[in-house]
Amino acid sequence: MIEGELRDPRIGFATVTRVDLSPDLRHGRVWVSVMGSEESRAETLEGLSSAAGYVRREIGRRLSLRRAPEIVFVLDHGAEEMERVQKLLDEIKHAE
């Protein structure tokens, strides 16, 4: 849905990495990893946040839910951290 249907030009290359739902299924937190600069990450998160209502309606409609969860998009920094650690390990390896 994010890649194919959202037409907001602020949304860049975003990958959903995880979805957490509250126990009562009323709130959903969608973790996204975004490639690019810090500015493009912020713009993508802005675009996704503005599309949250559409995403919620579509989830409810497509899954025939009586009440779809509130959707909140959150940046996942896991890929960035992994890349940073790998870079440090490579530096240590080359220093030996």
PDB file of N, CA and C in Angstrom:
ATOM      1  N   MET A   1       0.831  -1.185   0.000  1.00  0.00           N
ATOM      2  CA  MET A   1       0.000   0.000   0.000  1.00  0.00           C
ATOM      3  C   MET A   1       0.879   1.254   0.000  1.00  0.00           C
ATOM      4  N   ILE A   2       1.943   1.243   0.816  1.00  0.00           N
ATOM      5  CA  ILE A   2       2.815   2.417   0.897  1.00  0.00           C
ATOM      6  C   ILE A   2       3.503   2.663  -0.440  1.00  0.00           C
ATOM      7  N   GLU A   3       4.021   1.621  -1.032  1.00  0.00           N
ATOM      8  CA  GLU A   3       4.769   1.777  -2.278  1.00  0.00           C
ATOM      9  C   GLU A   3       3.870   2.053  -3.480  1.00  0.00           C
ATOM     10  N   GLY A   4       2.749   1.356  -3.573  1.00  0.00           N
ATOM     11  CA  GLY A   4       1.950   1.429  -4.779  1.00  0.00           C
ATOM     12  C   GLY A   4       0.805   2.414  -4.783  1.00  0.00           C
ATOM     13  N   GLU A   5       0.311   2.803  -3.621  1.00  0.00           N
ATOM     14  CA  GLU A   5      -0.907   3.603  -3.603  1.00  0.00           C
ATOM     15  C   GLU A   5      -0.738   5.026  -3.081  1.00  0.00           C
ATOM     16  N   LEU A   6       0.193   5.240  -2.203  1.00  0.00           N
ATOM     17  CA  LEU A   6       0.364   6.588  -1.646  1.00  0.00           C
ATOM     18  C   LEU A   6       1.114   7.447  -2.655  1.00  0.00           C
ATOM     19  N   ARG A   7       0.515   8.537  -3.035  1.00  0.00           N
ATOM     20  CA  ARG A   7       1.071   9.400  -4.085  1.00  0.00           C
ATOM     21  C   ARG A   7       1.745  10.656  -3.547  1.00  0.00           C
ATOM     22  N   ASP A   8       1.943  10.734  -2.258  1.00  0.00           N
ATOM     23  CA  ASP A   8       2.568  11.913  -1.655  1.00  0.00           C
ATOM     24  C   ASP A   8       4.033  11.984  -2.100  1.00  0.00           C
ATOM     25  N   PRO A   9       4.449  13.084  -2.732  1.00  0.00           N
ATOM     26  CA  PRO A   9       5.837  13.182  -3.209  1.00  0.00           C
ATOM     27  C   PRO A   9       6.866  13.225  -2.084  1.00  0.00           C
ATOM     28  N   ARG A  10       6.440  13.464  -0.867  1.00  0.00           N
ATOM     29  CA  ARG A  10       7.381  13.484   0.263  1.00  0.00           C
ATOM     30  C   ARG A  10       7.829  12.081   0.640  1.00  0.00           C
ATOM     31  N   ILE A  11       7.044  11.079   0.284  1.00  0.00           N
ATOM     32  CA  ILE A  11       7.367   9.709   0.683  1.00  0.00           C
ATOM     33  C   ILE A  11       8.427   9.141  -0.242  1.00  0.00           C
ATOM     34  N   GLY A  12       9.586   8.844   0.352  1.00  0.00           N
ATOM     35  CA  GLY A  12      10.691   8.266  -0.398  1.00  0.00           C
ATOM     36  C   GLY A  12      10.674   6.755  -0.314  1.00  0.00           C
ATOM     37  N   PHE A  13      11.852   6.154  -0.382  1.00  0.00           N
ATOM     38  CA  PHE A  13      11.976   4.703  -0.336  1.00  0.00           C
ATOM     39  C   PHE A  13      11.849   4.247   1.110  1.00  0.00           C
ATOM     40  N   ALA A  14      10.676   3.750   1.464  1.00  0.00           N
ATOM     41  CA  ALA A  14      10.402   3.321   2.838  1.00  0.00           C
ATOM     42  C   ALA A  14      10.094   1.835   2.855  1.00  0.00           C
ATOM     43  N   THR A  15      10.626   1.153   3.859  1.00  0.00           N
ATOM     44  CA  THR A  15      10.376  -0.266   4.048  1.00  0.00           C
ATOM     45  C   THR A  15       9.776  -0.477   5.428  1.00  0.00           C
ATOM     46  N   VAL A  16       8.660  -1.178   5.488  1.00  0.00           N
ATOM     47  CA  VAL A  16       8.061  -1.505   6.775  1.00  0.00           C
ATOM     48  C   VAL A  16       8.892  -2.620   7.394  1.00  0.00           C
ATOM     49  N   THR A  17       9.409  -2.374   8.590  1.00  0.00           N
ATOM     50  CA  THR A  17      10.266  -3.360   9.251  1.00  0.00           C
ATOM     51  C   THR A  17       9.552  -4.100  10.372  1.00  0.00           C
ATOM     52  N   ARG A  18       8.520  -3.495  10.921  1.00  0.00           N
ATOM     53  CA  ARG A  18       7.813  -4.124  12.040  1.00  0.00           C
ATOM     54  C   ARG A  18       6.487  -3.403  12.257  1.00  0.00           C
ATOM     55  N   VAL A  19       5.518  -4.144  12.773  1.00  0.00           N
ATOM     56  CA  VAL A  19       4.239  -3.554  13.162  1.00  0.00           C
ATOM     57  C   VAL A  19       3.906  -4.070  14.547  1.00  0.00           C
ATOM     58  N   ASP A  20       3.636  -3.162  15.459  1.00  0.00           N
ATOM     59  CA  ASP A  20       3.235  -3.513  16.818  1.00  0.00           C
ATOM     60  C   ASP A  20       1.791  -3.078  17.018  1.00  0.00           C
ATOM     61  N   LEU A  21       0.982  -3.994  17.527  1.00  0.00           N
ATOM     62  CA  LEU A  21      -0.415  -3.681  17.830  1.00  0.00           C
ATOM     63  C   LEU A  21      -0.622  -3.738  19.330  1.00  0.00           C
ATOM     64  N   SER A  22      -1.441  -2.840  19.829  1.00  0.00           N
ATOM     65  CA  SER A  22      -1.788  -2.873  21.255  1.00  0.00           C
ATOM     66  C   SER A  22      -2.641  -4.117  21.514  1.00  0.00           C
ATOM     67  N   PRO A  23      -2.677  -4.579  22.768  1.00  0.00           N
ATOM     68  CA  PRO A  23      -3.467  -5.782  23.081  1.00  0.00           C
ATOM     69  C   PRO A  23      -4.944  -5.674  22.696  1.00  0.00           C
ATOM     70  N   ASP A  24      -5.504  -4.465  22.764  1.00  0.00           N
ATOM     71  CA  ASP A  24      -6.914  -4.295  22.396  1.00  0.00           C
ATOM     72  C   ASP A  24      -7.107  -4.022  20.901  1.00  0.00           C
ATOM     73  N   LEU A  25      -6.013  -4.026  20.133  1.00  0.00           N
ATOM     74  CA  LEU A  25      -6.011  -3.829  18.674  1.00  0.00           C
ATOM     75  C   LEU A  25      -6.535  -2.459  18.238  1.00  0.00           C
ATOM     76  N   ARG A  26      -6.480  -1.494  19.124  1.00  0.00           N
ATOM     77  CA  ARG A  26      -6.962  -0.149  18.778  1.00  0.00           C
ATOM     78  C   ARG A  26      -5.845   0.769  18.287  1.00  0.00           C
ATOM     79  N   HIS A  27      -4.596   0.406  18.571  1.00  0.00           N
ATOM     80  CA  HIS A  27      -3.462   1.245  18.179  1.00  0.00           C
ATOM     81  C   HIS A  27      -2.405   0.393  17.511  1.00  0.00           C
ATOM     82  N   GLY A  28      -1.904   0.895  16.393  1.00  0.00           N
ATOM     83  CA  GLY A  28      -0.847   0.200  15.679  1.00  0.00           C
ATOM     84  C   GLY A  28       0.333   1.125  15.455  1.00  0.00           C
ATOM     85  N   ARG A  29       1.506   0.618  15.713  1.00  0.00           N
ATOM     86  CA  ARG A  29       2.737   1.369  15.471  1.00  0.00           C
ATOM     87  C   ARG A  29       3.465   0.675  14.328  1.00  0.00           C
ATOM     88  N   VAL A  30       3.664   1.406  13.228  1.00  0.00           N
ATOM     89  CA  VAL A  30       4.304   0.862  12.038  1.00  0.00           C
ATOM     90  C   VAL A  30       5.715   1.425  11.977  1.00  0.00           C
ATOM     91  N   TRP A  31       6.702   0.537  12.120  1.00  0.00           N
ATOM     92  CA  TRP A  31       8.102   0.925  12.076  1.00  0.00           C
ATOM     93  C   TRP A  31       8.580   0.889  10.633  1.00  0.00           C
ATOM     94  N   VAL A  32       9.173   1.992  10.171  1.00  0.00           N
ATOM     95  CA  VAL A  32       9.661   2.064   8.794  1.00  0.00           C
ATOM     96  C   VAL A  32      11.125   2.458   8.770  1.00  0.00           C
ATOM     97  N   SER A  33      11.835   1.840   7.860  1.00  0.00           N
ATOM     98  CA  SER A  33      13.218   2.197   7.600  1.00  0.00           C
ATOM     99  C   SER A  33      13.218   3.000   6.306  1.00  0.00           C
ATOM    100  N   VAL A  34      13.898   4.142   6.307  1.00  0.00           N
ATOM    101  CA  VAL A  34      13.887   5.022   5.144  1.00  0.00           C
ATOM    102  C   VAL A  34      15.322   5.272   4.707  1.00  0.00           C
ATOM    103  N   MET A  35      15.576   5.035   3.439  1.00  0.00           N
ATOM    104  CA  MET A  35      16.899   5.291   2.880  1.00  0.00           C
ATOM    105  C   MET A  35      17.015   6.770   2.525  1.00  0.00           C
ATOM    106  N   GLY A  36      18.224   7.318   2.695  1.00  0.00           N
ATOM    107  CA  GLY A  36      18.450   8.702   2.320  1.00  0.00           C
ATOM    108  C   GLY A  36      18.957   9.538   3.475  1.00  0.00           C
ATOM    109  N   SER A  37      18.964  10.830   3.247  1.00  0.00           N
ATOM    110  CA  SER A  37      19.466  11.776   4.241  1.00  0.00           C
ATOM    111  C   SER A  37      18.463  11.930   5.380  1.00  0.00           C
ATOM    112  N   GLU A  38      18.916  12.594   6.429  1.00  0.00           N
ATOM    113  CA  GLU A  38      18.036  12.851   7.575  1.00  0.00           C
ATOM    114  C   GLU A  38      16.833  13.684   7.143  1.00  0.00           C
ATOM    115  N   GLU A  39      17.053  14.606   6.221  1.00  0.00           N
ATOM    116  CA  GLU A  39      15.966  15.449   5.711  1.00  0.00           C
ATOM    117  C   GLU A  39      14.929  14.615   4.955  1.00  0.00           C
ATOM    118  N   SER A  40      15.397  13.694   4.113  1.00  0.00           N
ATOM    119  CA  SER A  40      14.453  12.867   3.361  1.00  0.00           C
ATOM    120  C   SER A  40      13.710  11.903   4.286  1.00  0.00           C
ATOM    121  N   ARG A  41      14.371  11.448   5.345  1.00  0.00           N
ATOM    122  CA  ARG A  41      13.690  10.596   6.332  1.00  0.00           C
ATOM    123  C   ARG A  41      12.557  11.367   7.005  1.00  0.00           C
ATOM    124  N   ALA A  42      12.847  12.609   7.395  1.00  0.00           N
ATOM    125  CA  ALA A  42      11.831  13.432   8.057  1.00  0.00           C
ATOM    126  C   ALA A  42      10.663  13.716   7.110  1.00  0.00           C
ATOM    127  N   GLU A  43      10.957  14.002   5.842  1.00  0.00           N
ATOM    128  CA  GLU A  43       9.901  14.262   4.864  1.00  0.00           C
ATOM    129  C   GLU A  43       9.047  13.020   4.639  1.00  0.00           C
ATOM    130  N   THR A  44       9.697  11.865   4.548  1.00  0.00           N
ATOM    131  CA  THR A  44       8.961  10.620   4.349  1.00  0.00           C
ATOM    132  C   THR A  44       8.047  10.346   5.531  1.00  0.00           C
ATOM    133  N   LEU A  45       8.559  10.544   6.737  1.00  0.00           N
ATOM    134  CA  LEU A  45       7.743  10.324   7.932  1.00  0.00           C
ATOM    135  C   LEU A  45       6.564  11.295   7.963  1.00  0.00           C
ATOM    136  N   GLU A  46       6.787  12.527   7.537  1.00  0.00           N
ATOM    137  CA  GLU A  46       5.714  13.521   7.447  1.00  0.00           C
ATOM    138  C   GLU A  46       4.636  13.065   6.469  1.00  0.00           C
ATOM    139  N   GLY A  47       5.069  12.604   5.299  1.00  0.00           N
ATOM    140  CA  GLY A  47       4.124  12.130   4.285  1.00  0.00           C
ATOM    141  C   GLY A  47       3.338  10.921   4.760  1.00  0.00           C
ATOM    142  N   LEU A  48       4.030   9.986   5.404  1.00  0.00           N
ATOM    143  CA  LEU A  48       3.351   8.800   5.923  1.00  0.00           C
ATOM    144  C   LEU A  48       2.357   9.172   7.019  1.00  0.00           C
ATOM    145  N   SER A  49       2.754  10.082   7.884  1.00  0.00           N
ATOM    146  CA  SER A  49       1.862  10.512   8.963  1.00  0.00           C
ATOM    147  C   SER A  49       0.605  11.170   8.419  1.00  0.00           C
ATOM    148  N   SER A  50       0.752  11.948   7.346  1.00  0.00           N
ATOM    149  CA  SER A  50      -0.428  12.593   6.770  1.00  0.00           C
ATOM    150  C   SER A  50      -1.326  11.583   6.056  1.00  0.00           C
ATOM    151  N   ALA A  51      -0.774  10.452   5.650  1.00  0.00           N
ATOM    152  CA  ALA A  51      -1.559   9.413   4.975  1.00  0.00           C
ATOM    153  C   ALA A  51      -2.106   8.373   5.946  1.00  0.00           C
ATOM    154  N   ALA A  52      -1.861   8.518   7.240  1.00  0.00           N
ATOM    155  CA  ALA A  52      -2.264   7.512   8.223  1.00  0.00           C
ATOM    156  C   ALA A  52      -3.774   7.270   8.220  1.00  0.00           C
ATOM    157  N   GLY A  53      -4.563   8.299   8.020  1.00  0.00           N
ATOM    158  CA  GLY A  53      -6.014   8.141   7.975  1.00  0.00           C
ATOM    159  C   GLY A  53      -6.450   7.275   6.803  1.00  0.00           C
ATOM    160  N   TYR A  54      -5.854   7.518   5.644  1.00  0.00           N
ATOM    161  CA  TYR A  54      -6.155   6.706   4.459  1.00  0.00           C
ATOM    162  C   TYR A  54      -5.755   5.256   4.704  1.00  0.00           C
ATOM    163  N   VAL A  55      -4.567   5.053   5.246  1.00  0.00           N
ATOM    164  CA  VAL A  55      -4.082   3.699   5.517  1.00  0.00           C
ATOM    165  C   VAL A  55      -5.037   2.997   6.489  1.00  0.00           C
ATOM    166  N   ARG A  56      -5.452   3.693   7.507  1.00  0.00           N
ATOM    167  CA  ARG A  56      -6.369   3.113   8.494  1.00  0.00           C
ATOM    168  C   ARG A  56      -7.693   2.705   7.839  1.00  0.00           C
ATOM    169  N   ARG A  57      -8.259   3.596   7.040  1.00  0.00           N
ATOM    170  CA  ARG A  57      -9.526   3.281   6.367  1.00  0.00           C
ATOM    171  C   ARG A  57      -9.387   2.072   5.448  1.00  0.00           C
ATOM    172  N   GLU A  58      -8.304   2.037   4.690  1.00  0.00           N
ATOM    173  CA  GLU A  58      -8.089   0.932   3.758  1.00  0.00           C
ATOM    174  C   GLU A  58      -7.878  -0.390   4.485  1.00  0.00           C
ATOM    175  N   ILE A  59      -7.153  -0.370   5.581  1.00  0.00           N
ATOM    176  CA  ILE A  59      -6.959  -1.595   6.373  1.00  0.00           C
ATOM    177  C   ILE A  59      -8.309  -2.087   6.883  1.00  0.00           C
ATOM    178  N   GLY A  60      -9.099  -1.173   7.408  1.00  0.00           N
ATOM    179  CA  GLY A  60     -10.423  -1.549   7.897  1.00  0.00           C
ATOM    180  C   GLY A  60     -11.309  -2.105   6.803  1.00  0.00           C
ATOM    181  N   ARG A  61     -11.280  -1.473   5.640  1.00  0.00           N
ATOM    182  CA  ARG A  61     -12.114  -1.908   4.518  1.00  0.00           C
ATOM    183  C   ARG A  61     -11.647  -3.256   3.971  1.00  0.00           C
ATOM    184  N   ARG A  62     -10.351  -3.382   3.734  1.00  0.00           N
ATOM    185  CA  ARG A  62      -9.819  -4.606   3.115  1.00  0.00           C
ATOM    186  C   ARG A  62      -9.903  -5.821   4.035  1.00  0.00           C
ATOM    187  N   LEU A  63      -9.803  -5.594   5.324  1.00  0.00           N
ATOM    188  CA  LEU A  63      -9.862  -6.705   6.272  1.00  0.00           C
ATOM    189  C   LEU A  63     -11.242  -6.859   6.907  1.00  0.00           C
ATOM    190  N   SER A  64     -12.188  -6.054   6.443  1.00  0.00           N
ATOM    191  CA  SER A  64     -13.561  -6.079   6.968  1.00  0.00           C
ATOM    192  C   SER A  64     -13.588  -5.966   8.487  1.00  0.00           C
ATOM    193  N   LEU A  65     -12.856  -4.979   8.989  1.00  0.00           N
ATOM    194  CA  LEU A  65     -12.809  -4.750  10.429  1.00  0.00           C
ATOM    195  C   LEU A  65     -13.885  -3.745  10.825  1.00  0.00           C
ATOM    196  N   ARG A  66     -14.500  -3.985  11.936  1.00  0.00           N
ATOM    197  CA  ARG A  66     -15.488  -3.036  12.441  1.00  0.00           C
ATOM    198  C   ARG A  66     -14.779  -1.765  12.900  1.00  0.00           C
ATOM    199  N   ARG A  67     -13.631  -1.962  13.524  1.00  0.00           N
ATOM    200  CA  ARG A  67     -12.845  -0.820  14.002  1.00  0.00           C
ATOM    201  C   ARG A  67     -11.380  -1.056  13.666  1.00  0.00           C
ATOM    202  N   ALA A  68     -10.840  -0.251  12.772  1.00  0.00           N
ATOM    203  CA  ALA A  68      -9.436  -0.369  12.382  1.00  0.00           C
ATOM    204  C   ALA A  68      -8.569   0.365  13.406  1.00  0.00           C
ATOM    205  N   PRO A  69      -7.351  -0.106  13.633  1.00  0.00           N
ATOM    206  CA  PRO A  69      -6.485   0.543  14.623  1.00  0.00           C
ATOM    207  C   PRO A  69      -6.000   1.918  14.160  1.00  0.00           C
ATOM    208  N   GLU A  70      -5.780   2.799  15.123  1.00  0.00           N
ATOM    209  CA  GLU A  70      -5.108   4.072  14.845  1.00  0.00           C
ATOM    210  C   GLU A  70      -3.694   3.717  14.407  1.00  0.00           C
ATOM    211  N   ILE A  71      -3.222   4.347  13.348  1.00  0.00           N
ATOM    212  CA  ILE A  71      -1.907   4.037  12.808  1.00  0.00           C
ATOM    213  C   ILE A  71      -0.945   5.185  13.090  1.00  0.00           C
ATOM    214  N   VAL A  72       0.229   4.836  13.625  1.00  0.00           N
ATOM    215  CA  VAL A  72       1.297   5.810  13.853  1.00  0.00           C
ATOM    216  C   VAL A  72       2.555   5.252  13.189  1.00  0.00           C
ATOM    217  N   PHE A  73       3.195   6.068  12.377  1.00  0.00           N
ATOM    218  CA  PHE A  73       4.436   5.659  11.717  1.00  0.00           C
ATOM    219  C   PHE A  73       5.626   6.145  12.538  1.00  0.00           C
ATOM    220  N   VAL A  74       6.620   5.252  12.707  1.00  0.00           N
ATOM    221  CA  VAL A  74       7.801   5.552  13.517  1.00  0.00           C
ATOM    222  C   VAL A  74       9.038   5.142  12.723  1.00  0.00           C
ATOM    223  N   LEU A  75      10.066   5.986  12.757  1.00  0.00           N
ATOM    224  CA  LEU A  75      11.318   5.638  12.069  1.00  0.00           C
ATOM    225  C   LEU A  75      12.054   4.533  12.812  1.00  0.00           C
ATOM    226  N   ASP A  76      12.498   3.533  12.069  1.00  0.00           N
ATOM    227  CA  ASP A  76      13.286   2.438  12.622  1.00  0.00           C
ATOM    228  C   ASP A  76      14.746   2.708  12.258  1.00  0.00           C
ATOM    229  N   HIS A  77      15.567   2.915  13.255  1.00  0.00           N
ATOM    230  CA  HIS A  77      16.981   3.228  13.025  1.00  0.00           C
ATOM    231  C   HIS A  77      17.853   1.979  13.073  1.00  0.00           C
ATOM    232  N   GLY A  78      17.261   0.805  13.112  1.00  0.00           N
ATOM    233  CA  GLY A  78      17.998  -0.446  13.220  1.00  0.00           C
ATOM    234  C   GLY A  78      18.984  -0.659  12.080  1.00  0.00           C
ATOM    235  N   ALA A  79      18.571  -0.400  10.849  1.00  0.00           N
ATOM    236  CA  ALA A  79      19.450  -0.596   9.690  1.00  0.00           C
ATOM    237  C   ALA A  79      20.634   0.363   9.740  1.00  0.00           C
ATOM    238  N   GLU A  80      20.388   1.595  10.156  1.00  0.00           N
ATOM    239  CA  GLU A  80      21.461   2.583  10.265  1.00  0.00           C
ATOM    240  C   GLU A  80      22.474   2.160  11.325  1.00  0.00           C
ATOM    241  N   GLU A  81      21.965   1.687  12.455  1.00  0.00           N
ATOM    242  CA  GLU A  81      22.845   1.247  13.537  1.00  0.00           C
ATOM    243  C   GLU A  81      23.678   0.043  13.104  1.00  0.00           C
ATOM    244  N   MET A  82      23.043  -0.875  12.397  1.00  0.00           N
ATOM    245  CA  MET A  82      23.757  -2.050  11.919  1.00  0.00           C
ATOM    246  C   MET A  82      24.867  -1.648  10.947  1.00  0.00           C
ATOM    247  N   GLU A  83      24.580  -0.701  10.085  1.00  0.00           N
ATOM    248  CA  GLU A  83      25.576  -0.215   9.134  1.00  0.00           C
ATOM    249  C   GLU A  83      26.736   0.469   9.863  1.00  0.00           C
ATOM    250  N   ARG A  84      26.412   1.242  10.897  1.00  0.00           N
ATOM    251  CA  ARG A  84      27.447   1.931  11.667  1.00  0.00           C
ATOM    252  C   ARG A  84      28.351   0.933  12.382  1.00  0.00           C
ATOM    253  N   VAL A  85      27.765  -0.094  12.979  1.00  0.00           N
ATOM    254  CA  VAL A  85      28.549  -1.121  13.669  1.00  0.00           C
ATOM    255  C   VAL A  85      29.436  -1.874  12.676  1.00  0.00           C
ATOM    256  N   GLN A  86      28.878  -2.198  11.501  1.00  0.00           N
ATOM    257  CA  GLN A  86      29.669  -2.898  10.485  1.00  0.00           C
ATOM    258  C   GLN A  86      30.851  -2.052  10.034  1.00  0.00           C
ATOM    259  N   LYS A  87      30.642  -0.765   9.885  1.00  0.00           N
ATOM    260  CA  LYS A  87      31.716   0.146   9.483  1.00  0.00           C
ATOM    261  C   LYS A  87      32.817   0.176  10.549  1.00  0.00           C
ATOM    262  N   LEU A  88      32.425   0.233  11.821  1.00  0.00           N
ATOM    263  CA  LEU A  88      33.400   0.221  12.915  1.00  0.00           C
ATOM    264  C   LEU A  88      34.176  -1.091  12.944  1.00  0.00           C
ATOM    265  N   LEU A  89      33.485  -2.196  12.738  1.00  0.00           N
ATOM    266  CA  LEU A  89      34.161  -3.494  12.711  1.00  0.00           C
ATOM    267  C   LEU A  89      35.149  -3.582  11.549  1.00  0.00           C
ATOM    268  N   ASP A  90      34.773  -3.049  10.407  1.00  0.00           N
ATOM    269  CA  ASP A  90      35.672  -3.030   9.246  1.00  0.00           C
ATOM    270  C   ASP A  90      36.911  -2.186   9.540  1.00  0.00           C
ATOM    271  N   GLU A  91      36.714  -1.040  10.208  1.00  0.00           N
ATOM    272  CA  GLU A  91      37.847  -0.180  10.560  1.00  0.00           C
ATOM    273  C   GLU A  91      38.799  -0.904  11.501  1.00  0.00           C
ATOM    274  N   ILE A  92      38.241  -1.625  12.469  1.00  0.00           N
ATOM    275  CA  ILE A  92      39.074  -2.379  13.406  1.00  0.00           C
ATOM    276  C   ILE A  92      39.843  -3.476  12.677  1.00  0.00           C
ATOM    277  N   LYS A  93      39.171  -4.135  11.756  1.00  0.00           N
ATOM    278  CA  LYS A  93      39.789  -5.214  10.994  1.00  0.00           C
ATOM    279  C   LYS A  93      40.961  -4.707  10.157  1.00  0.00           C
ATOM    280  N   HIS A  94      40.784  -3.538   9.536  1.00  0.00           N
ATOM    281  CA  HIS A  94      41.837  -2.971   8.688  1.00  0.00           C
ATOM    282  C   HIS A  94      42.983  -2.387   9.526  1.00  0.00           C
ATOM    283  N   ALA A  95      42.721  -2.027  10.752  1.00  0.00           N
ATOM    284  CA  ALA A  95      43.753  -1.453  11.620  1.00  0.00           C
ATOM    285  C   ALA A  95      44.689  -2.530  12.158  1.00  0.00           C
ATOM    286  N   GLU A  96      44.269  -3.779  12.161  1.00  0.00           N
ATOM    287  CA  GLU A  96      45.101  -4.868  12.706  1.00  0.00           C
ATOM    288  C   GLU A  96      46.241  -5.223  11.814  1.00  0.00           C
TER     289      GLU A  96
END
